[in-house]
Amino acid sequence: MSWYWQFVCFCLVESFFLTFGTFFVSVICDIVCRIKISNIKILTKMKIQPLADRVLISPKAAEEKTAGGIIIPDTAKEKPLEGTVVAVGEGKSDEKMILKKGDKVLYGKYAGTELEYDGEKYLIMRQSDVVAILK
């Protein structure tokens, strides 16, 4: 939480303390801070727009455990081959865009270019690199 919202919460505590008591003040402070933090997250939306027949995919998280319960270390994890389409390009004049935002897709092991934006990892690839849409 930023110092500004902590200060706002502190001011709320000071002003309502005498009127409502400590319980109500802590509840109000918690609600106000959560609302402000969620508004900040809403303002930072995706600003990547793929061009032509390219799609931006958020890969599914790699498996942490095997079916038998063995924890897989980071060095041994396989690259996920499944993800969700986050953004799509306009398509080419000779090839229409089949994929749309929100589609769950399968793609090749070495398909696409990895990039990181706001701490999250994405893949950008051509529509033809996508093998299947999961329904």
C-alpha atoms as a PDB file:
ATOM      1  CA  MET A   1       0.000   0.000   0.000  1.00  0.00           C
ATOM      2  CA  SER A   2       1.393   3.433  -0.868  1.00  0.00           C
ATOM      3  CA  TRP A   3       2.204   5.994   1.786  1.00  0.00           C
ATOM      4  CA  TYR A   4      -0.594   8.247   0.508  1.00  0.00           C
ATOM      5  CA  TRP A   5      -3.346   5.715   1.192  1.00  0.00           C
ATOM      6  CA  GLN A   6      -1.788   4.842   4.534  1.00  0.00           C
ATOM      7  CA  PHE A   7      -1.971   8.537   5.416  1.00  0.00           C
ATOM      8  CA  VAL A   8      -5.626   8.696   4.292  1.00  0.00           C
ATOM      9  CA  CYS A   9      -6.422   5.686   6.478  1.00  0.00           C
ATOM     10  CA  PHE A  10      -4.574   7.271   9.395  1.00  0.00           C
ATOM     11  CA  CYS A  11      -6.622  10.461   9.007  1.00  0.00           C
ATOM     12  CA  LEU A  12      -9.827   8.417   8.981  1.00  0.00           C
ATOM     13  CA  VAL A  13      -8.756   6.698  12.175  1.00  0.00           C
ATOM     14  CA  GLU A  14      -8.040  10.008  13.880  1.00  0.00           C
ATOM     15  CA  SER A  15     -11.291  11.668  12.804  1.00  0.00           C
ATOM     16  CA  PHE A  16     -13.654   8.763  13.548  1.00  0.00           C
ATOM     17  CA  PHE A  17     -11.962   7.441  16.668  1.00  0.00           C
ATOM     18  CA  LEU A  18     -13.870   9.569  19.146  1.00  0.00           C
ATOM     19  CA  THR A  19     -17.201   9.109  17.369  1.00  0.00           C
ATOM     20  CA  PHE A  20     -17.348   5.404  16.528  1.00  0.00           C
ATOM     21  CA  GLY A  21     -14.686   3.664  18.578  1.00  0.00           C
ATOM     22  CA  THR A  22     -11.782   1.493  17.464  1.00  0.00           C
ATOM     23  CA  PHE A  23     -13.671  -1.411  15.877  1.00  0.00           C
ATOM     24  CA  PHE A  24     -15.656   0.677  13.403  1.00  0.00           C
ATOM     25  CA  VAL A  25     -12.617   2.797  12.564  1.00  0.00           C
ATOM     26  CA  SER A  26     -10.495  -0.221  11.645  1.00  0.00           C
ATOM     27  CA  VAL A  27     -13.290  -1.643   9.475  1.00  0.00           C
ATOM     28  CA  ILE A  28     -13.808   1.665   7.634  1.00  0.00           C
ATOM     29  CA  CYS A  29     -10.054   2.112   7.152  1.00  0.00           C
ATOM     30  CA  ASP A  30      -9.708  -1.398   5.739  1.00  0.00           C
ATOM     31  CA  ILE A  31     -12.604  -0.902   3.297  1.00  0.00           C
ATOM     32  CA  VAL A  32     -11.335   2.472   2.035  1.00  0.00           C
ATOM     33  CA  CYS A  33      -7.797   1.164   1.511  1.00  0.00           C
ATOM     34  CA  ARG A  34      -9.001  -1.918  -0.388  1.00  0.00           C
ATOM     35  CA  ILE A  35     -11.198   0.187  -2.664  1.00  0.00           C
ATOM     36  CA  LYS A  36      -8.333   2.548  -3.493  1.00  0.00           C
ATOM     37  CA  ILE A  37      -5.909  -0.304  -4.167  1.00  0.00           C
ATOM     38  CA  SER A  38      -8.388  -2.051  -6.480  1.00  0.00           C
ATOM     39  CA  ASN A  39      -8.919   1.217  -8.379  1.00  0.00           C
ATOM     40  CA  ILE A  40      -5.161   1.543  -8.882  1.00  0.00           C
ATOM     41  CA  LYS A  41      -5.000  -1.987 -10.310  1.00  0.00           C
ATOM     42  CA  ILE A  42      -7.873  -1.222 -12.691  1.00  0.00           C
ATOM     43  CA  LEU A  43      -6.026   1.822 -14.075  1.00  0.00           C
ATOM     44  CA  THR A  44      -2.985  -0.247 -15.071  1.00  0.00           C
ATOM     45  CA  LYS A  45      -4.550  -2.186 -17.932  1.00  0.00           C
ATOM     46  CA  MET A  46      -2.726  -3.985 -20.715  1.00  0.00           C
ATOM     47  CA  LYS A  47      -1.155  -1.583 -23.196  1.00  0.00           C
ATOM     48  CA  ILE A  48       0.227  -4.144 -25.662  1.00  0.00           C
ATOM     49  CA  GLN A  49      -1.608  -4.455 -28.972  1.00  0.00           C
ATOM     50  CA  PRO A  50      -0.304  -7.199 -31.300  1.00  0.00           C
ATOM     51  CA  LEU A  51      -0.020  -6.322 -34.979  1.00  0.00           C
ATOM     52  CA  ALA A  52      -1.245  -8.227 -38.052  1.00  0.00           C
ATOM     53  CA  ASP A  53      -1.850 -11.933 -37.303  1.00  0.00           C
ATOM     54  CA  ARG A  54      -0.055 -11.995 -33.957  1.00  0.00           C
ATOM     55  CA  VAL A  55      -1.617 -12.896 -30.609  1.00  0.00           C
ATOM     56  CA  LEU A  56      -0.509 -12.181 -27.039  1.00  0.00           C
ATOM     57  CA  ILE A  57      -0.816 -15.221 -24.782  1.00  0.00           C
ATOM     58  CA  SER A  58      -0.567 -15.561 -21.018  1.00  0.00           C
ATOM     59  CA  PRO A  59       0.959 -19.019 -20.464  1.00  0.00           C
ATOM     60  CA  LYS A  60      -0.576 -21.354 -17.910  1.00  0.00           C
ATOM     61  CA  ALA A  61       1.539 -21.766 -14.785  1.00  0.00           C
ATOM     62  CA  ALA A  62       3.896 -24.748 -14.850  1.00  0.00           C
ATOM     63  CA  GLU A  63       2.963 -27.752 -12.735  1.00  0.00           C
ATOM     64  CA  GLU A  64       4.329 -27.568  -9.173  1.00  0.00           C
ATOM     65  CA  LYS A  65       3.743 -31.242  -8.278  1.00  0.00           C
ATOM     66  CA  THR A  66       3.491 -34.542 -10.093  1.00  0.00           C
ATOM     67  CA  ALA A  67       0.405 -36.743  -9.865  1.00  0.00           C
ATOM     68  CA  GLY A  68       2.186 -38.732  -7.147  1.00  0.00           C
ATOM     69  CA  GLY A  69       2.790 -35.602  -5.045  1.00  0.00           C
ATOM     70  CA  ILE A  70       6.499 -35.063  -5.803  1.00  0.00           C
ATOM     71  CA  ILE A  71       7.427 -31.371  -5.903  1.00  0.00           C
ATOM     72  CA  ILE A  72       9.119 -30.395  -9.179  1.00  0.00           C
ATOM     73  CA  PRO A  73      12.074 -27.956  -8.853  1.00  0.00           C
ATOM     74  CA  ASP A  74      12.137 -24.859 -11.088  1.00  0.00           C
ATOM     75  CA  THR A  75      15.035 -26.193 -13.158  1.00  0.00           C
ATOM     76  CA  ALA A  76      13.146 -29.377 -14.094  1.00  0.00           C
ATOM     77  CA  LYS A  77       9.787 -27.803 -14.954  1.00  0.00           C
ATOM     78  CA  GLU A  78       8.600 -28.141 -18.536  1.00  0.00           C
ATOM     79  CA  LYS A  79       7.583 -25.069 -20.466  1.00  0.00           C
ATOM     80  CA  PRO A  80       3.760 -24.899 -20.478  1.00  0.00           C
ATOM     81  CA  LEU A  81       2.098 -25.543 -23.828  1.00  0.00           C
ATOM     82  CA  GLU A  82      -1.267 -24.087 -22.853  1.00  0.00           C
ATOM     83  CA  GLY A  83      -2.354 -20.503 -22.275  1.00  0.00           C
ATOM     84  CA  THR A  84      -5.047 -17.852 -22.566  1.00  0.00           C
ATOM     85  CA  VAL A  85      -5.241 -15.261 -25.341  1.00  0.00           C
ATOM     86  CA  VAL A  86      -4.919 -11.789 -23.819  1.00  0.00           C
ATOM     87  CA  ALA A  87      -4.932  -9.638 -26.979  1.00  0.00           C
ATOM     88  CA  VAL A  88      -5.187 -10.209 -30.733  1.00  0.00           C
ATOM     89  CA  GLY A  89      -4.089  -8.274 -33.810  1.00  0.00           C
ATOM     90  CA  GLU A  90      -6.286  -7.146 -36.689  1.00  0.00           C
ATOM     91  CA  GLY A  91      -5.344 -10.077 -38.916  1.00  0.00           C
ATOM     92  CA  LYS A  92      -3.981 -10.046 -42.467  1.00  0.00           C
ATOM     93  CA  SER A  93      -5.893  -9.149 -45.599  1.00  0.00           C
ATOM     94  CA  ASP A  94      -5.620 -12.729 -46.886  1.00  0.00           C
ATOM     95  CA  GLU A  95      -6.150 -14.484 -43.540  1.00  0.00           C
ATOM     96  CA  LYS A  96      -8.936 -13.650 -41.087  1.00  0.00           C
ATOM     97  CA  MET A  97      -8.322 -13.692 -37.341  1.00  0.00           C
ATOM     98  CA  ILE A  98      -9.919 -16.795 -35.824  1.00  0.00           C
ATOM     99  CA  LEU A  99      -8.656 -16.338 -32.268  1.00  0.00           C
ATOM    100  CA  LYS A 100     -10.272 -13.883 -29.879  1.00  0.00           C
ATOM    101  CA  LYS A 101      -9.515 -12.569 -26.411  1.00  0.00           C
ATOM    102  CA  GLY A 102     -10.173 -15.136 -23.688  1.00  0.00           C
ATOM    103  CA  ASP A 103      -9.656 -18.258 -25.836  1.00  0.00           C
ATOM    104  CA  LYS A 104      -7.724 -21.089 -24.177  1.00  0.00           C
ATOM    105  CA  VAL A 105      -5.187 -22.402 -26.661  1.00  0.00           C
ATOM    106  CA  LEU A 106      -2.452 -24.983 -27.179  1.00  0.00           C
ATOM    107  CA  TYR A 107       0.756 -23.929 -28.925  1.00  0.00           C
ATOM    108  CA  GLY A 108       4.069 -25.461 -29.979  1.00  0.00           C
ATOM    109  CA  LYS A 109       6.932 -25.948 -27.538  1.00  0.00           C
ATOM    110  CA  TYR A 110       9.211 -23.408 -29.245  1.00  0.00           C
ATOM    111  CA  ALA A 111       6.515 -21.099 -30.595  1.00  0.00           C
ATOM    112  CA  GLY A 112       6.512 -17.372 -29.998  1.00  0.00           C
ATOM    113  CA  THR A 113       8.703 -14.803 -28.318  1.00  0.00           C
ATOM    114  CA  GLU A 114       8.747 -14.485 -24.538  1.00  0.00           C
ATOM    115  CA  LEU A 115       8.326 -11.039 -23.032  1.00  0.00           C
ATOM    116  CA  GLU A 116       7.717  -9.627 -19.572  1.00  0.00           C
ATOM    117  CA  TYR A 117       5.361  -6.721 -18.899  1.00  0.00           C
ATOM    118  CA  ASP A 118       4.513  -5.384 -15.415  1.00  0.00           C
ATOM    119  CA  GLY A 119       6.110  -8.433 -13.805  1.00  0.00           C
ATOM    120  CA  GLU A 120       4.030 -10.946 -15.768  1.00  0.00           C
ATOM    121  CA  LYS A 121       5.349 -13.231 -18.493  1.00  0.00           C
ATOM    122  CA  TYR A 122       3.664 -13.373 -21.895  1.00  0.00           C
ATOM    123  CA  LEU A 123       4.230 -14.997 -25.272  1.00  0.00           C
ATOM    124  CA  ILE A 124       3.627 -13.207 -28.547  1.00  0.00           C
ATOM    125  CA  MET A 125       3.243 -15.435 -31.588  1.00  0.00           C
ATOM    126  CA  ARG A 126       1.576 -15.703 -34.959  1.00  0.00           C
ATOM    127  CA  GLN A 127      -1.903 -17.170 -35.157  1.00  0.00           C
ATOM    128  CA  SER A 128      -0.484 -20.014 -37.268  1.00  0.00           C
ATOM    129  CA  ASP A 129       1.755 -21.071 -34.328  1.00  0.00           C
ATOM    130  CA  VAL A 130      -1.366 -21.873 -32.281  1.00  0.00           C
ATOM    131  CA  VAL A 131      -2.165 -25.571 -32.651  1.00  0.00           C
ATOM    132  CA  ALA A 132      -5.667 -25.783 -31.137  1.00  0.00           C
ATOM    133  CA  ILE A 133      -8.406 -23.943 -29.242  1.00  0.00           C
ATOM    134  CA  LEU A 134      -9.575 -25.667 -26.048  1.00  0.00           C
ATOM    135  CA  LYS A 135     -13.333 -25.619 -25.465  1.00  0.00           C
END
